[in-house]
Protein backbone atom coordinates (compact mmCIF):
# COMPACT_ATOMS: atom_id res chain seq x y z
CA MET A 1 -2.03 41.22 -54.08
CA LYS A 2 -4.18 38.22 -53.99
CA ASN A 3 -4.25 37.14 -51.22
CA TRP A 4 -1.92 33.62 -50.92
CA VAL A 5 1.16 36.11 -51.73
CA ARG A 6 0.40 38.09 -49.48
CA LYS A 7 0.92 35.43 -46.31
CA LEU A 8 3.63 34.11 -48.10
CA LEU A 9 5.71 37.26 -47.75
CA VAL A 10 4.13 38.22 -43.70
CA PHE A 11 4.87 34.82 -43.39
CA ALA A 12 8.77 35.16 -44.61
CA LEU A 13 9.03 38.12 -42.07
CA MET A 14 8.48 36.29 -39.48
CA LEU A 15 10.93 33.44 -40.06
CA SER A 16 13.28 36.64 -40.78
CA VAL A 17 12.75 38.36 -37.04
CA CYS A 18 13.26 34.82 -35.26
CA PHE A 19 16.33 34.61 -36.76
CA SER A 20 17.40 37.27 -36.35
CA LEU A 21 16.25 37.43 -32.06
CA PRO A 22 19.48 36.76 -30.36
CA GLY A 23 19.41 33.22 -28.35
CA VAL A 24 17.36 31.65 -31.66
CA ARG A 25 19.41 28.61 -32.68
CA ALA A 26 22.34 30.92 -31.95
CA GLN A 27 25.79 29.12 -32.21
CA ALA A 28 28.48 29.25 -28.98
CA ALA A 29 30.37 32.11 -29.74
CA THR A 30 34.36 30.85 -30.70
CA ARG A 31 37.35 32.66 -30.10
CA GLU A 32 37.44 34.14 -33.43
CA SER A 33 34.52 35.99 -33.49
CA VAL A 34 34.94 36.79 -29.75
CA GLU A 35 37.86 37.94 -31.05
CA LYS A 36 36.32 40.23 -33.58
CA LYS A 37 33.80 42.31 -31.95
CA ALA A 38 36.99 43.06 -28.84
CA ASP A 39 39.53 44.38 -32.16
CA LYS A 40 37.29 46.35 -33.07
CA VAL A 41 35.25 47.40 -29.74
CA ASP A 42 39.50 49.15 -29.53
CA THR A 43 39.60 50.89 -32.79
CA LYS A 44 36.20 52.48 -31.57
CA ILE A 45 37.78 53.41 -27.78
CA ALA A 46 41.02 54.32 -29.41
CA LYS A 47 39.45 56.82 -31.98
CA LEU A 48 37.13 58.12 -29.65
CA THR A 49 40.60 58.40 -27.24
CA ALA A 50 41.85 60.67 -29.83
CA LYS A 51 38.49 62.75 -29.89
CA LEU A 52 38.95 62.95 -26.04
CA GLU A 53 41.68 65.85 -25.92
CA LYS A 54 40.22 67.80 -28.41
CA ALA A 55 36.16 68.01 -27.18
CA THR A 56 34.53 70.58 -24.43
CA GLY A 57 31.19 70.99 -22.71
CA SER A 58 28.44 68.52 -22.89
CA ASP A 59 30.47 66.96 -26.06
CA LYS A 60 33.10 65.28 -24.24
CA LYS A 61 30.75 64.92 -21.27
CA ASN A 62 29.51 62.80 -23.73
CA ILE A 63 32.10 60.76 -25.06
CA GLU A 64 33.09 60.03 -22.14
CA LYS A 65 30.47 58.14 -21.00
CA GLU A 66 30.55 56.16 -24.71
CA LEU A 67 34.00 55.28 -23.07
CA LYS A 68 33.30 54.19 -20.46
CA ALA A 69 30.78 51.26 -21.86
CA LEU A 70 33.49 50.02 -24.31
CA LYS A 71 35.95 50.15 -21.36
CA LYS A 72 33.63 47.81 -19.71
CA GLU A 73 32.56 45.69 -23.17
CA SER A 74 36.25 45.32 -23.79
CA ASP A 75 37.60 43.60 -20.44
CA ALA A 76 34.41 41.02 -20.58
CA TYR A 77 36.04 40.45 -24.05
CA GLN A 78 39.41 39.53 -22.52
CA LYS A 79 37.78 37.88 -19.24
CA ALA A 80 35.98 35.85 -22.01
CA LEU A 81 39.45 35.13 -24.19
CA ASN A 82 41.38 34.30 -20.77
CA ALA A 83 39.50 32.18 -19.72
CA THR A 84 39.98 29.36 -17.00
CA PHE A 85 38.31 25.64 -15.11
CA LYS A 86 38.14 27.07 -11.50
CA ASP A 87 40.26 23.92 -9.23
CA ALA A 88 41.59 22.54 -12.54
CA GLU A 89 44.90 21.90 -12.08
CA GLY A 90 46.43 17.98 -13.30
CA GLU A 91 43.60 15.32 -14.59
CA ILE A 92 40.58 14.08 -12.50
CA LYS A 93 39.67 10.70 -11.40
CA LEU A 94 36.64 9.30 -12.16
CA GLU A 95 34.98 5.35 -10.73
CA ILE A 96 31.23 4.96 -11.92
CA ALA A 97 29.78 1.63 -12.09
CA LYS A 98 29.07 0.40 -15.39
CA GLY A 99 24.81 0.90 -16.43
CA LYS A 100 25.63 4.41 -13.55
CA LYS A 101 25.52 8.30 -14.49
CA SER A 102 27.81 11.09 -12.75
CA ALA A 103 26.29 14.89 -13.48
CA GLN A 104 30.07 17.13 -14.00
CA THR A 105 29.40 20.72 -13.21
CA PRO A 106 32.88 22.21 -14.08
CA ALA A 107 33.25 25.98 -13.24
CA LEU A 108 34.43 28.11 -15.39
CA THR A 109 36.20 31.73 -14.21
CA GLU A 110 34.16 33.61 -16.35
CA LYS A 111 31.05 32.12 -18.43
CA LYS A 112 29.73 35.30 -20.74
CA TYR A 113 30.45 34.34 -24.14
CA ASN A 114 32.41 31.16 -23.63
CA LYS A 115 30.25 27.60 -23.67
CA ILE A 116 31.40 24.15 -22.52
CA ILE A 117 31.93 22.05 -24.89
CA TRP A 118 31.57 18.20 -23.77
CA LYS A 119 33.82 14.83 -25.61
CA SER A 120 34.43 11.41 -24.66
CA SER A 121 37.34 9.89 -26.62
CA ASP A 122 35.48 6.21 -26.25
CA THR A 123 31.39 6.18 -26.01
CA SER A 124 31.62 2.51 -26.41
CA ILE A 125 33.20 3.37 -22.61
CA ALA A 126 31.60 6.20 -21.07
CA THR A 127 29.63 8.60 -22.60
CA VAL A 128 28.26 12.37 -21.74
CA SER A 129 25.68 14.96 -22.19
CA LYS A 130 25.29 17.98 -23.37
CA LYS A 131 25.09 19.20 -19.61
CA GLY A 132 27.68 17.26 -18.54
CA VAL A 133 26.51 13.77 -16.80
CA ILE A 134 28.89 10.53 -17.54
CA LYS A 135 27.82 7.08 -17.97
CA GLY A 136 29.04 4.08 -17.59
CA VAL A 137 29.44 2.16 -20.67
CA SER A 138 30.92 -0.77 -20.58
CA LEU A 139 34.21 -1.71 -18.67
CA GLY A 140 37.43 0.09 -19.81
CA GLU A 141 38.74 3.87 -19.00
CA ALA A 142 37.81 6.66 -20.90
CA VAL A 143 38.98 10.29 -21.31
CA ILE A 144 36.35 12.78 -20.23
CA THR A 145 37.41 16.47 -21.92
CA ALA A 146 35.49 20.01 -20.97
CA THR A 147 36.34 22.90 -23.19
CA ALA A 148 35.23 26.68 -22.86
CA SER A 149 34.27 27.32 -26.23
CA VAL A 150 36.43 30.39 -26.89
CA SER A 151 38.72 30.64 -24.19
CA GLY A 152 39.99 27.56 -25.57
CA ALA A 153 40.86 25.98 -21.22
CA GLN A 154 39.68 22.78 -20.42
CA TYR A 155 38.31 20.21 -18.15
CA VAL A 156 39.99 17.06 -18.30
CA ILE A 157 38.62 13.38 -16.51
CA LYS A 158 39.84 10.53 -16.53
CA VAL A 159 37.20 7.49 -16.14
CA ASN A 160 37.32 4.47 -14.78
CA VAL A 161 34.05 2.39 -15.41
CA TYR A 162 34.63 -0.52 -13.31
CA SER A 163 31.28 -3.59 -12.29
CA ASN A 164 29.70 -3.43 -9.30
CA VAL A 165 27.52 -6.75 -10.28
CA ARG A 166 28.12 -9.51 -8.00
CA ASN A 167 27.05 -12.96 -9.50
CA VAL A 168 25.30 -15.96 -8.47
CA GLU A 169 26.47 -18.71 -7.34
CA SER A 170 23.68 -21.23 -6.57
CA LEU A 171 20.41 -20.75 -6.84
CA VAL A 172 17.99 -23.51 -5.19
CA PHE A 173 14.33 -24.08 -5.61
CA GLU A 174 12.17 -25.10 -2.72
CA GLU A 175 10.62 -27.33 -4.96
CA GLU A 176 11.53 -28.92 -8.39
CA GLU A 177 7.66 -29.05 -9.47
CA TYR A 178 4.93 -27.06 -8.70
CA THR A 179 1.57 -27.75 -8.91
CA LEU A 180 -0.77 -24.46 -9.60
CA LYS A 181 -4.40 -23.06 -9.76
CA THR A 182 -4.87 -20.27 -12.72
CA ASN A 183 -8.67 -19.50 -12.81
CA ASP A 184 -10.24 -17.14 -15.14
CA TYR A 185 -11.80 -14.76 -13.02
CA LYS A 186 -8.54 -12.35 -12.24
CA ASP A 187 -5.46 -12.65 -12.83
CA THR A 188 -3.32 -15.58 -10.89
CA PHE A 189 0.43 -14.61 -9.88
CA PHE A 190 3.06 -17.57 -8.12
CA ILE A 191 6.00 -16.22 -6.53
CA ALA A 192 8.80 -18.72 -6.57
CA LYS A 193 11.12 -18.44 -3.89
CA ALA A 194 14.95 -19.41 -3.98
CA VAL A 195 17.99 -19.64 -1.36
CA VAL A 196 20.17 -17.20 -3.46
CA THR A 197 24.56 -17.41 -2.15
CA PRO A 198 26.07 -15.40 -2.32
CA ALA A 199 23.30 -12.96 0.00
CA ASP A 200 24.19 -10.08 -1.11
CA ALA A 201 24.29 -11.83 -5.41
CA ASN A 202 22.98 -8.54 -7.52
CA GLU A 203 23.14 -9.88 -10.92
CA LYS A 204 20.16 -9.83 -13.00
CA ILE A 205 19.56 -13.73 -13.17
CA LYS A 206 17.90 -14.71 -17.32
CA VAL A 207 14.55 -16.11 -16.69
CA GLU A 208 13.82 -18.21 -19.47
CA VAL A 209 9.99 -20.25 -19.63
CA GLU A 210 9.76 -22.42 -22.46
CA ASP A 211 5.65 -22.19 -23.06
CA GLU A 212 4.54 -19.12 -22.02
CA THR A 213 1.54 -19.75 -23.26
CA VAL A 214 1.04 -21.66 -19.66
CA ALA A 215 2.69 -19.11 -18.10
CA LYS A 216 4.51 -15.76 -17.81
CA TYR A 217 7.74 -14.36 -16.01
CA SER A 218 6.84 -10.82 -14.57
CA ALA A 219 10.14 -9.20 -14.75
CA LYS A 220 9.14 -6.22 -11.72
CA ASN A 221 10.61 -8.13 -9.32
CA ASN A 222 14.40 -8.25 -8.05
CA PRO A 223 15.73 -11.80 -8.89
CA GLY A 224 18.17 -10.39 -6.10
CA THR A 225 16.11 -10.99 -3.74
CA GLY A 226 15.06 -14.93 -4.37
CA GLN A 227 11.84 -14.26 -5.35
CA PHE A 228 10.46 -15.22 -8.63
CA ALA A 229 7.14 -14.23 -9.78
CA PHE A 230 5.04 -16.16 -12.45
CA LYS A 231 1.76 -15.08 -14.63
CA LEU A 232 -0.30 -18.46 -14.33
CA LYS A 233 -1.91 -18.38 -18.36
CA LYS A 234 -3.94 -21.51 -18.95
CA ALA A 235 -3.70 -24.80 -17.86
CA GLY A 236 -1.00 -25.97 -19.14
CA LYS A 237 2.97 -28.04 -18.20
CA THR A 238 6.61 -25.67 -18.89
CA GLU A 239 9.75 -25.86 -17.72
CA VAL A 240 11.67 -22.64 -16.37
CA THR A 241 15.65 -22.11 -16.47
CA PHE A 242 17.76 -19.80 -14.33
CA THR A 243 20.41 -18.73 -15.89
CA GLY A 244 23.56 -16.16 -14.73
CA ALA A 245 26.79 -14.98 -15.72
CA ASN A 246 28.39 -18.55 -14.91
CA GLY A 247 25.41 -20.38 -16.82
CA GLU A 248 22.72 -22.44 -15.96
CA LEU A 249 21.65 -22.16 -11.75
CA ALA A 250 18.70 -23.49 -11.72
CA SER A 251 15.28 -25.44 -13.27
CA LEU A 252 11.97 -25.77 -12.24
CA THR A 253 8.40 -27.18 -13.76
CA LEU A 254 5.41 -25.31 -13.04
CA ASN A 255 2.48 -27.87 -13.29
CA VAL A 256 -0.67 -25.20 -14.06
CA THR A 257 -4.62 -26.46 -13.98
CA SER A 258 -7.23 -24.41 -14.49
CA GLU A 259 -9.91 -24.21 -12.10
CA LYS A 260 -13.62 -24.52 -12.45
CA ASN A 261 -15.56 -22.08 -10.64
CA ILE A 262 -18.32 -21.38 -8.80
CA LYS A 263 -21.07 -19.41 -11.66
CA LYS A 264 -24.05 -19.35 -8.80
CA ILE A 265 -24.32 -19.94 -4.87
CA LYS A 266 -27.66 -19.22 -2.32
CA LEU A 267 -26.86 -19.24 1.37
CA ASP A 268 -30.02 -19.94 4.02
CA LYS A 269 -31.25 -16.67 3.80
CA LYS A 270 -31.83 -17.20 8.20
CA ILE A 271 -31.21 -19.38 11.15
CA LYS A 272 -32.93 -19.22 13.96
CA LEU A 273 -31.10 -20.72 16.87
CA ASN A 274 -32.43 -22.09 20.11
CA THR A 275 -29.37 -23.25 21.84
CA VAL A 276 -26.35 -20.97 22.78
CA THR A 277 -23.54 -23.83 22.29
CA GLY A 278 -22.69 -26.62 20.17
CA LYS A 279 -22.87 -27.13 16.15
CA PHE A 280 -25.53 -25.71 13.64
CA ASP A 281 -25.55 -26.31 9.47
CA ILE A 282 -25.77 -23.65 7.25
CA GLY A 283 -27.66 -25.08 3.99
CA PHE A 284 -26.88 -23.51 0.60
CA THR A 285 -26.80 -23.81 -3.22
CA VAL A 286 -23.88 -23.99 -5.72
CA LYS A 287 -23.56 -24.64 -9.35
CA PRO A 288 -21.69 -26.30 -10.60
CA ALA A 289 -22.12 -28.65 -8.70
CA ASP A 290 -17.78 -29.87 -8.91
CA TYR A 291 -16.13 -26.75 -8.47
CA THR A 292 -12.61 -26.50 -7.60
CA GLU A 293 -12.26 -22.52 -6.28
CA GLU A 294 -11.77 -21.76 -2.48
CA PRO A 295 -14.70 -19.77 -1.83
CA GLU A 296 -14.23 -17.41 0.72
CA TRP A 297 -16.41 -17.58 4.95
CA ILE A 298 -16.78 -14.25 6.61
CA TYR A 299 -17.84 -14.43 10.22
CA ASN A 300 -16.95 -13.35 13.30
CA GLU A 301 -13.96 -15.40 14.26
CA GLU A 302 -14.90 -15.05 18.38
CA ILE A 303 -18.76 -16.06 17.72
CA LEU A 304 -18.78 -18.83 15.58
CA LYS A 305 -15.86 -21.49 13.62
CA LEU A 306 -16.78 -23.21 11.31
CA VAL A 307 -15.47 -26.82 10.92
CA ASP A 308 -16.97 -28.48 8.19
CA CYS A 309 -18.09 -27.63 4.56
CA LYS A 310 -20.18 -30.41 1.48
CA VAL A 311 -21.79 -30.58 -0.41
CA ASN A 312 -23.14 -32.96 -2.81
CA ASP A 313 -23.59 -33.85 -6.55
CA ASP A 314 -26.35 -32.33 -6.64
CA GLY A 315 -25.49 -28.76 -5.67
CA ASN A 316 -27.10 -28.82 -2.07
CA GLY A 317 -24.47 -27.67 0.58
CA ILE A 318 -24.08 -27.47 3.96
CA ALA A 319 -21.90 -25.66 6.07
CA THR A 320 -21.28 -26.80 9.56
CA PHE A 321 -20.27 -23.86 12.11
CA GLU A 322 -19.35 -24.08 15.85
CA ILE A 323 -20.79 -21.91 18.49
CA VAL A 324 -18.03 -19.52 19.89
CA ASP A 325 -20.10 -17.41 22.08
CA ALA A 326 -24.00 -17.04 21.17
CA HIS A 327 -24.91 -13.42 19.29
CA ASP A 328 -26.64 -12.09 16.36
CA THR A 329 -24.01 -12.67 14.17
CA GLU A 330 -24.31 -13.03 9.98
CA VAL A 331 -22.22 -15.71 7.47
CA THR A 332 -21.50 -14.47 4.20
CA VAL A 333 -19.50 -16.53 1.22
CA LYS A 334 -17.77 -14.35 -1.63
CA THR A 335 -16.56 -16.35 -4.46
CA LEU A 336 -13.48 -15.17 -7.25
CA SER A 337 -15.73 -13.44 -9.36
CA GLY A 338 -17.36 -11.08 -7.01
CA LEU A 339 -20.38 -13.17 -6.36
CA LYS A 340 -21.51 -12.86 -2.14
CA SER A 341 -24.26 -14.47 -0.22
CA THR A 342 -24.86 -13.54 3.72
CA CYS A 343 -26.79 -16.23 6.36
CA GLN A 344 -28.11 -14.57 9.17
CA ILE A 345 -27.52 -16.12 12.31
CA VAL A 346 -30.07 -15.05 15.10
CA PHE A 347 -30.13 -16.88 19.07
CA SER A 348 -33.69 -16.67 20.61
CA LYS A 349 -33.42 -16.88 24.31
CA LYS A 350 -36.50 -16.93 24.69
CA ASP A 351 -36.57 -20.21 23.55
CA ILE A 352 -33.69 -21.04 25.55
CA PRO A 353 -35.36 -23.25 28.42
CA ILE A 354 -33.97 -22.74 32.30
CA THR A 355 -32.92 -26.05 33.53
CA ASP A 356 -31.72 -24.76 36.87
CA ILE A 357 -32.89 -22.21 38.83
CA ALA A 358 -30.92 -21.10 42.11
CA PHE A 359 -31.32 -17.46 44.26
CA THR A 360 -27.39 -16.35 46.02
CA GLN A 361 -29.20 -16.72 49.14
CA ALA A 362 -31.18 -18.72 50.73
CA SER A 363 -32.87 -15.22 53.09
CA PHE A 364 -32.67 -11.55 52.79
CA ALA A 365 -34.02 -9.02 55.38
CA ALA A 366 -35.58 -5.93 53.51
CA ALA A 367 -34.55 -2.13 54.69
CA GLY A 368 -36.80 0.51 52.76
CA ASP A 369 -39.54 0.32 50.69
CA SER A 370 -37.84 -2.43 48.37
CA PHE A 371 -35.30 -4.73 47.50
CA GLN A 372 -33.99 -6.48 45.10
CA LEU A 373 -33.05 -10.64 45.08
CA THR A 374 -30.41 -12.10 42.98
CA TYR A 375 -30.89 -14.89 41.21
CA THR A 376 -28.34 -17.62 38.48
CA GLN A 377 -29.54 -19.56 35.88
CA THR A 378 -28.44 -22.58 33.58
CA PRO A 379 -27.91 -21.01 31.16
CA PHE A 380 -27.42 -17.56 31.97
CA GLU A 381 -28.07 -16.40 28.42
CA SER A 382 -31.77 -17.35 28.26
CA LYS A 383 -34.42 -15.13 27.73
CA GLU A 384 -37.19 -18.01 29.72
CA PRO A 385 -40.07 -15.55 30.96
CA LEU A 386 -40.84 -16.61 34.80
CA THR A 387 -43.88 -17.38 37.33
CA TRP A 388 -43.00 -15.15 40.58
CA LYS A 389 -44.60 -16.57 43.47
CA ILE A 390 -45.35 -13.99 47.19
CA ASP A 391 -47.44 -16.14 49.91
CA GLY A 392 -49.32 -13.74 52.79
CA VAL A 393 -51.89 -11.85 53.00
CA VAL A 394 -50.90 -8.38 52.18
CA MET A 395 -48.38 -9.46 48.83
CA LYS A 396 -50.84 -11.44 47.27
CA SER A 397 -49.96 -11.93 43.42
CA VAL A 398 -46.39 -10.37 41.36
CA GLU A 399 -48.23 -7.77 40.76
CA ASN A 400 -48.86 -6.54 44.30
CA PHE A 401 -44.95 -6.09 42.73
CA GLU A 402 -43.12 -3.83 39.89
CA LEU A 403 -40.69 -6.20 38.89
CA MET A 404 -37.86 -4.92 37.10
CA ASP A 405 -35.84 -8.28 35.53
CA GLU A 406 -32.35 -7.54 34.27
CA TRP A 407 -28.52 -9.07 33.92
CA TYR A 408 -26.52 -8.15 36.18
CA GLU A 409 -23.54 -8.01 33.91
CA GLU A 410 -21.27 -5.45 33.82
CA ASP A 411 -23.24 -2.41 34.98
CA PRO A 412 -21.49 -0.66 37.79
CA ASP A 413 -25.06 1.47 39.24
CA LEU A 414 -26.15 -2.00 40.77
CA GLY A 415 -22.03 -3.12 41.69
CA ALA A 416 -22.33 -6.24 40.44
CA PRO A 417 -18.95 -7.37 40.00
CA ALA A 418 -17.35 -6.75 36.41
CA ASP A 419 -17.27 -11.21 36.28
CA ALA A 420 -21.36 -10.86 37.20
CA THR A 421 -22.81 -14.32 35.85
CA ALA A 422 -26.35 -14.06 38.53
CA HIS A 423 -29.26 -11.58 37.61
CA ILE A 424 -31.26 -9.04 39.73
CA ALA A 425 -35.25 -8.64 39.85
CA TYR A 426 -36.75 -5.71 41.43
CA PHE A 427 -39.64 -5.12 43.89
CA GLU A 428 -41.16 -2.65 45.37
CA ILE A 429 -43.83 -2.67 48.54
CA GLU A 430 -46.78 -0.88 47.93
CA SER A 431 -47.68 -0.92 52.10
CA ILE A 432 -44.48 -0.68 54.65
CA GLU A 433 -46.48 -1.67 58.15
CA ALA A 434 -48.46 -4.22 56.07
CA ALA A 435 -44.83 -5.92 55.59
CA LYS A 436 -43.78 -5.26 58.29
CA SER A 437 -47.55 -6.50 60.38
CA LYS A 438 -46.38 -8.90 58.21
CA GLY A 439 -42.77 -10.43 59.34
CA SER A 440 -41.03 -11.89 56.34
CA VAL A 441 -42.66 -13.75 53.10
CA ILE A 442 -41.41 -15.82 50.67
CA VAL A 443 -40.29 -15.30 46.98
CA THR A 444 -40.03 -18.55 44.55
CA VAL A 445 -39.86 -18.59 41.60
CA GLU A 446 -40.51 -20.87 38.37
CA THR A 447 -39.88 -22.49 35.07
CA LYS A 448 -41.60 -23.75 32.58
CA SER A 449 -39.83 -26.93 33.29
CA GLY A 450 -40.83 -26.96 36.48
CA ALA A 451 -37.50 -25.92 37.94
CA THR A 452 -37.73 -23.10 41.16
CA ALA A 453 -36.39 -21.30 44.01
CA SER A 454 -37.50 -19.80 46.77
CA CYS A 455 -35.85 -16.97 49.25
CA THR A 456 -37.33 -15.43 52.20
CA VAL A 457 -37.67 -12.30 52.33
CA VAL A 458 -37.97 -10.27 56.38
CA PHE A 459 -38.82 -7.39 56.83
C-alpha cells in the first residue's frame, strides 16, 4: 500500500474515533432524545422483570443487579424530563445600566442531561451570552429567557436598561488660549483643567482637535475629573472643541512653540572657595547659545542657592550661587536629552583668614598633668594655622606641649553644649614640679593677620 494512502486511512480512522467520543462536538440533549432513551430502558426493565420470576441462583442475582442499575438510569431520565428552575416563580425583574453586565446563575433541580439555552427577545436592547451574562445595549425593555433543553422549564427575566449618565451642563477652562512648548527629546503632555458642572457629571465628552499634527487628545484620562490631556506634536496653533449631549460646551486654542534644545553643556570642573559667606560664580559653555529649554540645576539647597544664570551670545555662561552653609558639595546641570555636567565645590578652610580670636576666660587654674583652654574665632569654620606662645623658663616654647586643636562642636566626651561655638586646645605638662614652682604662665595665640589673645594659666 502506498504511503499516502496509509496516511489517509489513519487520518480517517482518527476522525471517526474523535467524533464518537462523548463530549466532542456534543449537541444539547433534547426532550425527544431523552424520552427515547427512557423508553428503551423501561422496555429492558420489563423484560428482565419477567425473567426474574423464573430465574434461580446466580442468574437471579445477576438479573437483580442489572435491574438495579437500569432503574437508577430510568430515574435519572425522569428527573431530567421533569426538571424545573429553583426559585423561578413569577417573572424576575432586572435593572441594568447601559453598557454594564450582569451574570445570571439560575439553578435546575436536575442538571444531568439538561443544558440551559439563553435567548433575548430584543438584542438591540439587551444581549445574553451562552453562560447567562446579560449586557445592557440601549435604553428600553427586553425579556431574557433561560430554557432547560430537556424538560422545557423556563426562567424568565424582564430587563430594564436605564442610563446612568449624568450630562455635563457647563465646562469652564482656566484660559481660552494656552501657549505651550514642545521639544525634540521626549513626549510633552499638557493638561487643560476645567470646572465641570455638575461636579458629579460622568458623561463622556467628545473632544475634537482641529489640527492633530500640532496636538493630539489623549483619551486615557477621565473627562469627569475636568482634566483633559493633550500630547504636543509640533509647533503650530490649533482649536479644540468640547461637545456633550447638550451641544458644544467649550472651546480653546493651543498655541504650541518648538523649544530649542541644548546640544552640549559643560560646567567648570572645580571651584575652590576661601570664604564661607557671600556669592560665587560657576562658569559654563553651552550650545546653542540661544537655547530655550530650561535645564535642571541639581544641588543641595541646604548648602547653596541658585540666584542667577546668564548666557552670552558666544555660549559662555555664568551661574551665580549664594552660600547657605559652607560644606563641600557639587552642582550638576541636566538637560532634557539627559546630558549632564558636574562642578565640584570645595571650601578651603585653611585659606580662610581669622579676623578675630579670644579666649573664653582671662585666667585658668590647671590641675594634674594637663589642661585645656577654649577660645573663639571669626570665622568659626577657618582652619588657618595658629601660633602658640608660652612664657617662662620651664615652658619656653610650644614644643614643651602636645597641642591638639579640634572643633569644640557637639562632642559629648568634651562636655561641650550642642550649640557650642568655641574651639579647644589641649596641653600636657612635662614637669609638674617645675610648673608648680613657676606658679603661672601666660599662653598667647596669634593669627597670620596679627590678631592675638592671651590667657593666664595658674598651677
